[in-house]
Amino acid sequence: MLSKLIEAFEKDPTLQGRLNATKKHGKLLAAELKTLKELVTVLETFKEATDEFQADSETVGVVIPAYIDMLTKVILTTTYTNGRILPNAACPLQNVTSHCKEFVPALKASLEKRLSYVLRNNFYIL
């Protein structure tokens, strides 16, 4: 829904001025639109897992693969044994996030807090 709104703003720059909400609260600034675009990009990385978990079938078998996939997508850097910290090549958000730099690590922490137990529970691993 947000992505469609952003597309509409890009197609018709005068659209914001015609919306009732902007008459009351004002138009979004360019930086706010960029932040909104980044937020949509970040949240799109979770779309596949969200769709799988909302399916009308058993989803226990996809918990671990989905968790690892989502975690990989939000790890911005990789630390090697020699101590070097480099960008994570598997992270699709690496070059996309400048306004949401704090948001992505917060998502990672939230994922670990909510789902890391599945790797310690034999019910999910088997």
N, C-alpha and C. Protein backbone atom coordinates (compact mmCIF):
# COMPACT_ATOMS: atom_id res chain seq x y z
N MET A 1 0.82 -1.18 0.00
CA MET A 1 0.00 0.00 0.00
C MET A 1 0.87 1.26 0.00
N LEU A 2 1.90 1.27 0.84
CA LEU A 2 2.80 2.42 0.86
C LEU A 2 3.55 2.55 -0.45
N SER A 3 3.94 1.41 -1.03
CA SER A 3 4.67 1.47 -2.29
C SER A 3 3.81 2.07 -3.40
N LYS A 4 2.52 1.76 -3.39
CA LYS A 4 1.60 2.35 -4.38
C LYS A 4 1.46 3.86 -4.17
N LEU A 5 1.44 4.29 -2.92
CA LEU A 5 1.35 5.71 -2.61
C LEU A 5 2.60 6.44 -3.10
N ILE A 6 3.76 5.84 -2.86
CA ILE A 6 5.02 6.44 -3.32
C ILE A 6 5.04 6.52 -4.84
N GLU A 7 4.60 5.44 -5.51
CA GLU A 7 4.53 5.45 -6.98
C GLU A 7 3.61 6.57 -7.47
N ALA A 8 2.49 6.74 -6.80
CA ALA A 8 1.55 7.79 -7.19
C ALA A 8 2.17 9.17 -7.03
N PHE A 9 2.92 9.38 -5.94
CA PHE A 9 3.59 10.67 -5.72
C PHE A 9 4.65 10.92 -6.80
N GLU A 10 5.34 9.85 -7.23
CA GLU A 10 6.36 10.00 -8.26
C GLU A 10 5.74 10.29 -9.62
N LYS A 11 4.60 9.67 -9.92
CA LYS A 11 3.94 9.90 -11.20
C LYS A 11 3.32 11.29 -11.28
N ASP A 12 2.77 11.75 -10.17
CA ASP A 12 2.09 13.05 -10.15
C ASP A 12 2.56 13.85 -8.93
N PRO A 13 3.59 14.68 -9.11
CA PRO A 13 4.12 15.46 -7.99
C PRO A 13 3.11 16.41 -7.35
N THR A 14 2.04 16.73 -8.06
CA THR A 14 1.04 17.65 -7.49
C THR A 14 0.01 16.92 -6.63
N LEU A 15 0.09 15.60 -6.59
CA LEU A 15 -0.89 14.80 -5.86
C LEU A 15 -0.93 15.15 -4.37
N GLN A 16 0.23 15.33 -3.76
CA GLN A 16 0.26 15.65 -2.33
C GLN A 16 -0.55 16.90 -2.00
N GLY A 17 -0.47 17.89 -2.85
CA GLY A 17 -1.18 19.14 -2.62
C GLY A 17 -2.69 18.99 -2.70
N ARG A 18 -3.15 17.95 -3.37
CA ARG A 18 -4.59 17.75 -3.53
C ARG A 18 -5.20 16.83 -2.47
N LEU A 19 -4.37 16.22 -1.64
CA LEU A 19 -4.88 15.32 -0.61
C LEU A 19 -5.33 16.10 0.62
N ASN A 20 -6.44 15.71 1.19
CA ASN A 20 -6.95 16.39 2.39
C ASN A 20 -5.99 16.30 3.56
N ALA A 21 -5.29 15.17 3.70
CA ALA A 21 -4.37 15.00 4.82
C ALA A 21 -3.24 16.02 4.78
N THR A 22 -2.77 16.36 3.57
CA THR A 22 -1.68 17.34 3.48
C THR A 22 -2.16 18.75 3.77
N LYS A 23 -3.44 18.98 3.59
CA LYS A 23 -3.97 20.30 3.92
C LYS A 23 -3.93 20.53 5.43
N LYS A 24 -4.12 19.45 6.17
CA LYS A 24 -4.11 19.56 7.63
C LYS A 24 -2.70 19.43 8.20
N HIS A 25 -1.91 18.47 7.69
CA HIS A 25 -0.61 18.15 8.28
C HIS A 25 0.58 18.63 7.45
N GLY A 26 0.37 19.09 6.25
CA GLY A 26 1.47 19.53 5.39
C GLY A 26 1.99 18.40 4.53
N LYS A 27 2.72 18.78 3.48
CA LYS A 27 3.28 17.80 2.55
C LYS A 27 4.50 17.12 3.16
N LEU A 28 4.79 15.93 2.64
CA LEU A 28 6.01 15.23 3.04
C LEU A 28 7.20 15.91 2.39
N LEU A 29 8.25 16.10 3.15
CA LEU A 29 9.47 16.68 2.61
C LEU A 29 10.20 15.62 1.78
N ALA A 30 11.15 16.05 0.96
CA ALA A 30 11.90 15.12 0.12
C ALA A 30 12.62 14.07 0.98
N ALA A 31 13.20 14.49 2.10
CA ALA A 31 13.89 13.55 2.98
C ALA A 31 12.92 12.55 3.59
N GLU A 32 11.72 12.99 3.90
CA GLU A 32 10.70 12.09 4.45
C GLU A 32 10.25 11.07 3.41
N LEU A 33 10.15 11.51 2.16
CA LEU A 33 9.79 10.57 1.09
C LEU A 33 10.90 9.53 0.88
N LYS A 34 12.17 9.97 0.95
CA LYS A 34 13.28 9.03 0.81
C LYS A 34 13.27 8.01 1.95
N THR A 35 13.00 8.49 3.16
CA THR A 35 12.92 7.59 4.31
C THR A 35 11.78 6.60 4.14
N LEU A 36 10.66 7.06 3.65
CA LEU A 36 9.51 6.19 3.41
C LEU A 36 9.84 5.14 2.35
N LYS A 37 10.54 5.53 1.30
CA LYS A 37 10.95 4.57 0.26
C LYS A 37 11.86 3.50 0.85
N GLU A 38 12.81 3.94 1.68
CA GLU A 38 13.72 2.98 2.32
C GLU A 38 12.96 2.03 3.23
N LEU A 39 12.03 2.56 3.98
CA LEU A 39 11.24 1.73 4.88
C LEU A 39 10.48 0.66 4.10
N VAL A 40 9.90 1.05 2.98
CA VAL A 40 9.19 0.09 2.13
C VAL A 40 10.17 -0.97 1.62
N THR A 41 11.36 -0.56 1.20
CA THR A 41 12.36 -1.51 0.71
C THR A 41 12.76 -2.49 1.80
N VAL A 42 12.97 -1.98 3.01
CA VAL A 42 13.34 -2.85 4.13
C VAL A 42 12.22 -3.85 4.42
N LEU A 43 11.01 -3.38 4.47
CA LEU A 43 9.88 -4.26 4.80
C LEU A 43 9.59 -5.27 3.69
N GLU A 44 9.92 -4.93 2.44
CA GLU A 44 9.71 -5.86 1.33
C GLU A 44 10.57 -7.11 1.48
N THR A 45 11.70 -7.00 2.20
CA THR A 45 12.56 -8.17 2.38
C THR A 45 11.87 -9.24 3.22
N PHE A 46 10.83 -8.86 3.95
CA PHE A 46 10.10 -9.81 4.78
C PHE A 46 8.82 -10.31 4.12
N LYS A 47 8.54 -9.85 2.92
CA LYS A 47 7.29 -10.19 2.24
C LYS A 47 7.15 -11.69 1.99
N GLU A 48 8.20 -12.32 1.48
CA GLU A 48 8.13 -13.75 1.16
C GLU A 48 7.82 -14.58 2.41
N ALA A 49 8.53 -14.31 3.50
CA ALA A 49 8.28 -15.06 4.74
C ALA A 49 6.88 -14.78 5.27
N THR A 50 6.45 -13.55 5.20
CA THR A 50 5.11 -13.19 5.67
C THR A 50 4.05 -13.94 4.88
N ASP A 51 4.21 -13.98 3.57
CA ASP A 51 3.25 -14.70 2.72
C ASP A 51 3.23 -16.20 3.04
N GLU A 52 4.43 -16.78 3.27
CA GLU A 52 4.50 -18.21 3.60
C GLU A 52 3.79 -18.52 4.90
N PHE A 53 3.99 -17.67 5.91
CA PHE A 53 3.40 -17.92 7.22
C PHE A 53 1.89 -17.67 7.24
N GLN A 54 1.39 -16.95 6.27
CA GLN A 54 -0.05 -16.70 6.19
C GLN A 54 -0.77 -17.72 5.33
N ALA A 55 -0.03 -18.68 4.81
CA ALA A 55 -0.63 -19.70 3.94
C ALA A 55 -1.57 -20.60 4.72
N ASP A 56 -2.42 -21.29 4.00
CA ASP A 56 -3.39 -22.20 4.62
C ASP A 56 -2.82 -23.61 4.78
N SER A 57 -1.52 -23.72 4.89
CA SER A 57 -0.89 -25.02 5.07
C SER A 57 0.02 -24.96 6.30
N GLU A 58 0.59 -26.12 6.65
CA GLU A 58 1.49 -26.15 7.79
C GLU A 58 2.73 -25.32 7.49
N THR A 59 3.13 -24.54 8.47
CA THR A 59 4.29 -23.68 8.25
C THR A 59 5.45 -23.99 9.18
N VAL A 60 5.33 -25.01 10.02
CA VAL A 60 6.40 -25.34 10.96
C VAL A 60 7.69 -25.66 10.21
N GLY A 61 7.57 -26.33 9.07
CA GLY A 61 8.75 -26.72 8.30
C GLY A 61 9.49 -25.56 7.66
N VAL A 62 8.88 -24.41 7.58
CA VAL A 62 9.55 -23.27 6.96
C VAL A 62 10.05 -22.26 7.99
N VAL A 63 9.85 -22.54 9.27
CA VAL A 63 10.25 -21.57 10.30
C VAL A 63 11.75 -21.33 10.27
N ILE A 64 12.55 -22.41 10.33
CA ILE A 64 14.01 -22.24 10.37
C ILE A 64 14.54 -21.63 9.07
N PRO A 65 14.18 -22.16 7.89
CA PRO A 65 14.68 -21.52 6.66
C PRO A 65 14.26 -20.05 6.54
N ALA A 66 13.04 -19.74 6.92
CA ALA A 66 12.57 -18.35 6.83
C ALA A 66 13.32 -17.47 7.82
N TYR A 67 13.54 -17.98 9.03
CA TYR A 67 14.28 -17.22 10.04
C TYR A 67 15.70 -16.92 9.57
N ILE A 68 16.39 -17.94 9.08
CA ILE A 68 17.77 -17.75 8.61
C ILE A 68 17.80 -16.80 7.42
N ASP A 69 16.84 -16.93 6.51
CA ASP A 69 16.78 -16.04 5.35
C ASP A 69 16.54 -14.59 5.78
N MET A 70 15.59 -14.38 6.68
CA MET A 70 15.31 -13.02 7.14
C MET A 70 16.50 -12.44 7.89
N LEU A 71 17.15 -13.26 8.70
CA LEU A 71 18.31 -12.80 9.46
C LEU A 71 19.45 -12.41 8.53
N THR A 72 19.68 -13.22 7.50
CA THR A 72 20.73 -12.92 6.52
C THR A 72 20.46 -11.59 5.82
N LYS A 73 19.21 -11.31 5.56
CA LYS A 73 18.85 -10.08 4.84
C LYS A 73 19.02 -8.82 5.67
N VAL A 74 19.07 -8.94 7.00
CA VAL A 74 19.20 -7.74 7.83
C VAL A 74 20.56 -7.61 8.52
N ILE A 75 21.49 -8.53 8.24
CA ILE A 75 22.84 -8.40 8.79
C ILE A 75 23.64 -7.56 7.80
N LEU A 76 23.91 -6.32 8.18
CA LEU A 76 24.57 -5.38 7.26
C LEU A 76 26.06 -5.62 7.13
N THR A 77 26.70 -6.15 8.18
CA THR A 77 28.15 -6.36 8.13
C THR A 77 28.51 -7.77 8.57
N THR A 78 29.69 -8.20 8.14
CA THR A 78 30.21 -9.50 8.52
C THR A 78 31.56 -9.28 9.18
N THR A 79 31.78 -9.92 10.33
CA THR A 79 33.06 -9.83 11.02
C THR A 79 33.83 -11.12 10.77
N TYR A 80 35.04 -10.98 10.25
CA TYR A 80 35.86 -12.14 9.97
C TYR A 80 36.75 -12.46 11.16
N THR A 81 37.38 -13.64 11.14
CA THR A 81 38.20 -14.07 12.27
C THR A 81 39.39 -13.16 12.51
N ASN A 82 39.85 -12.48 11.48
CA ASN A 82 40.97 -11.56 11.66
C ASN A 82 40.51 -10.20 12.19
N GLY A 83 39.22 -10.08 12.48
CA GLY A 83 38.70 -8.84 13.07
C GLY A 83 38.20 -7.82 12.07
N ARG A 84 38.39 -8.08 10.80
CA ARG A 84 37.92 -7.13 9.78
C ARG A 84 36.41 -7.16 9.69
N ILE A 85 35.82 -5.98 9.60
CA ILE A 85 34.37 -5.86 9.43
C ILE A 85 34.11 -5.38 8.02
N LEU A 86 33.41 -6.19 7.26
CA LEU A 86 33.12 -5.87 5.86
C LEU A 86 31.62 -5.92 5.63
N PRO A 87 31.15 -5.26 4.58
CA PRO A 87 29.72 -5.34 4.24
C PRO A 87 29.32 -6.78 3.94
N ASN A 88 28.13 -7.15 4.35
CA ASN A 88 27.59 -8.47 4.08
C ASN A 88 27.05 -8.50 2.65
N ALA A 89 27.71 -9.26 1.79
CA ALA A 89 27.32 -9.31 0.38
C ALA A 89 25.94 -9.92 0.19
N ALA A 90 25.48 -10.73 1.14
CA ALA A 90 24.17 -11.38 1.03
C ALA A 90 23.03 -10.47 1.46
N CYS A 91 23.34 -9.31 1.98
CA CYS A 91 22.31 -8.39 2.47
C CYS A 91 21.83 -7.49 1.34
N PRO A 92 20.56 -7.61 0.95
CA PRO A 92 20.05 -6.77 -0.14
C PRO A 92 19.87 -5.31 0.27
N LEU A 93 19.99 -5.02 1.55
CA LEU A 93 19.78 -3.66 2.05
C LEU A 93 21.09 -2.89 2.20
N GLN A 94 22.19 -3.51 1.84
CA GLN A 94 23.50 -2.93 2.08
C GLN A 94 23.64 -1.51 1.52
N ASN A 95 23.29 -1.30 0.29
CA ASN A 95 23.46 0.02 -0.33
C ASN A 95 22.16 0.81 -0.40
N VAL A 96 21.13 0.31 0.21
CA VAL A 96 19.81 0.95 0.12
C VAL A 96 19.53 1.82 1.33
N THR A 97 20.02 1.41 2.48
CA THR A 97 19.64 2.09 3.71
C THR A 97 20.63 3.18 4.09
N SER A 98 20.18 4.39 4.05
CA SER A 98 20.96 5.50 4.62
C SER A 98 20.13 6.20 5.67
N HIS A 99 18.84 6.29 5.45
CA HIS A 99 17.94 6.93 6.42
C HIS A 99 17.47 5.94 7.48
N CYS A 100 17.50 4.65 7.16
CA CYS A 100 17.00 3.62 8.08
C CYS A 100 18.13 2.80 8.68
N LYS A 101 19.32 3.39 8.84
CA LYS A 101 20.48 2.66 9.36
C LYS A 101 20.23 2.04 10.73
N GLU A 102 19.51 2.72 11.59
CA GLU A 102 19.25 2.19 12.94
C GLU A 102 18.09 1.18 12.92
N PHE A 103 17.22 1.31 11.96
CA PHE A 103 16.04 0.45 11.89
C PHE A 103 16.41 -0.99 11.55
N VAL A 104 17.34 -1.17 10.63
CA VAL A 104 17.72 -2.52 10.18
C VAL A 104 18.34 -3.33 11.32
N PRO A 105 19.32 -2.80 12.07
CA PRO A 105 19.84 -3.57 13.21
C PRO A 105 18.77 -3.83 14.28
N ALA A 106 17.83 -2.92 14.43
CA ALA A 106 16.74 -3.14 15.39
C ALA A 106 15.86 -4.30 14.93
N LEU A 107 15.63 -4.42 13.63
CA LEU A 107 14.88 -5.57 13.10
C LEU A 107 15.63 -6.87 13.36
N LYS A 108 16.95 -6.83 13.17
CA LYS A 108 17.77 -8.02 13.44
C LYS A 108 17.65 -8.43 14.90
N ALA A 109 17.78 -7.47 15.80
CA ALA A 109 17.67 -7.77 17.23
C ALA A 109 16.29 -8.33 17.57
N SER A 110 15.26 -7.78 16.96
CA SER A 110 13.90 -8.25 17.21
C SER A 110 13.71 -9.68 16.69
N LEU A 111 14.26 -9.95 15.50
CA LEU A 111 14.18 -11.31 14.96
C LEU A 111 14.85 -12.31 15.88
N GLU A 112 16.06 -11.96 16.33
CA GLU A 112 16.80 -12.86 17.21
C GLU A 112 16.05 -13.08 18.52
N LYS A 113 15.49 -12.02 19.06
CA LYS A 113 14.76 -12.13 20.32
C LYS A 113 13.52 -13.01 20.17
N ARG A 114 12.82 -12.85 19.06
CA ARG A 114 11.55 -13.56 18.88
C ARG A 114 11.70 -14.98 18.35
N LEU A 115 12.73 -15.23 17.52
CA LEU A 115 12.78 -16.52 16.83
C LEU A 115 14.03 -17.36 17.07
N SER A 116 15.01 -16.87 17.80
CA SER A 116 16.24 -17.65 17.97
C SER A 116 15.99 -18.96 18.71
N TYR A 117 14.91 -19.04 19.46
CA TYR A 117 14.61 -20.27 20.20
C TYR A 117 14.38 -21.46 19.28
N VAL A 118 13.98 -21.22 18.04
CA VAL A 118 13.70 -22.34 17.14
C VAL A 118 14.95 -23.15 16.83
N LEU A 119 16.11 -22.52 16.89
CA LEU A 119 17.35 -23.25 16.63
C LEU A 119 17.79 -24.06 17.85
N ARG A 120 17.20 -23.79 19.01
CA ARG A 120 17.54 -24.51 20.24
C ARG A 120 16.48 -25.54 20.61
N ASN A 121 15.42 -25.63 19.84
CA ASN A 121 14.31 -26.51 20.18
C ASN A 121 14.26 -27.67 19.18
N ASN A 122 14.41 -28.90 19.69
CA ASN A 122 14.43 -30.09 18.82
C ASN A 122 13.15 -30.26 18.02
N PHE A 123 12.04 -29.78 18.53
CA PHE A 123 10.78 -29.89 17.81
C PHE A 123 10.87 -29.22 16.45
N TYR A 124 11.52 -28.07 16.38
CA TYR A 124 11.64 -27.33 15.12
C TYR A 124 12.77 -27.87 14.26
N ILE A 125 13.86 -28.30 14.88
CA ILE A 125 15.02 -28.75 14.12
C ILE A 125 14.75 -30.08 13.43
N LEU A 126 14.05 -30.98 14.10
CA LEU A 126 13.76 -32.28 13.49
C LEU A 126 12.73 -32.09 12.42
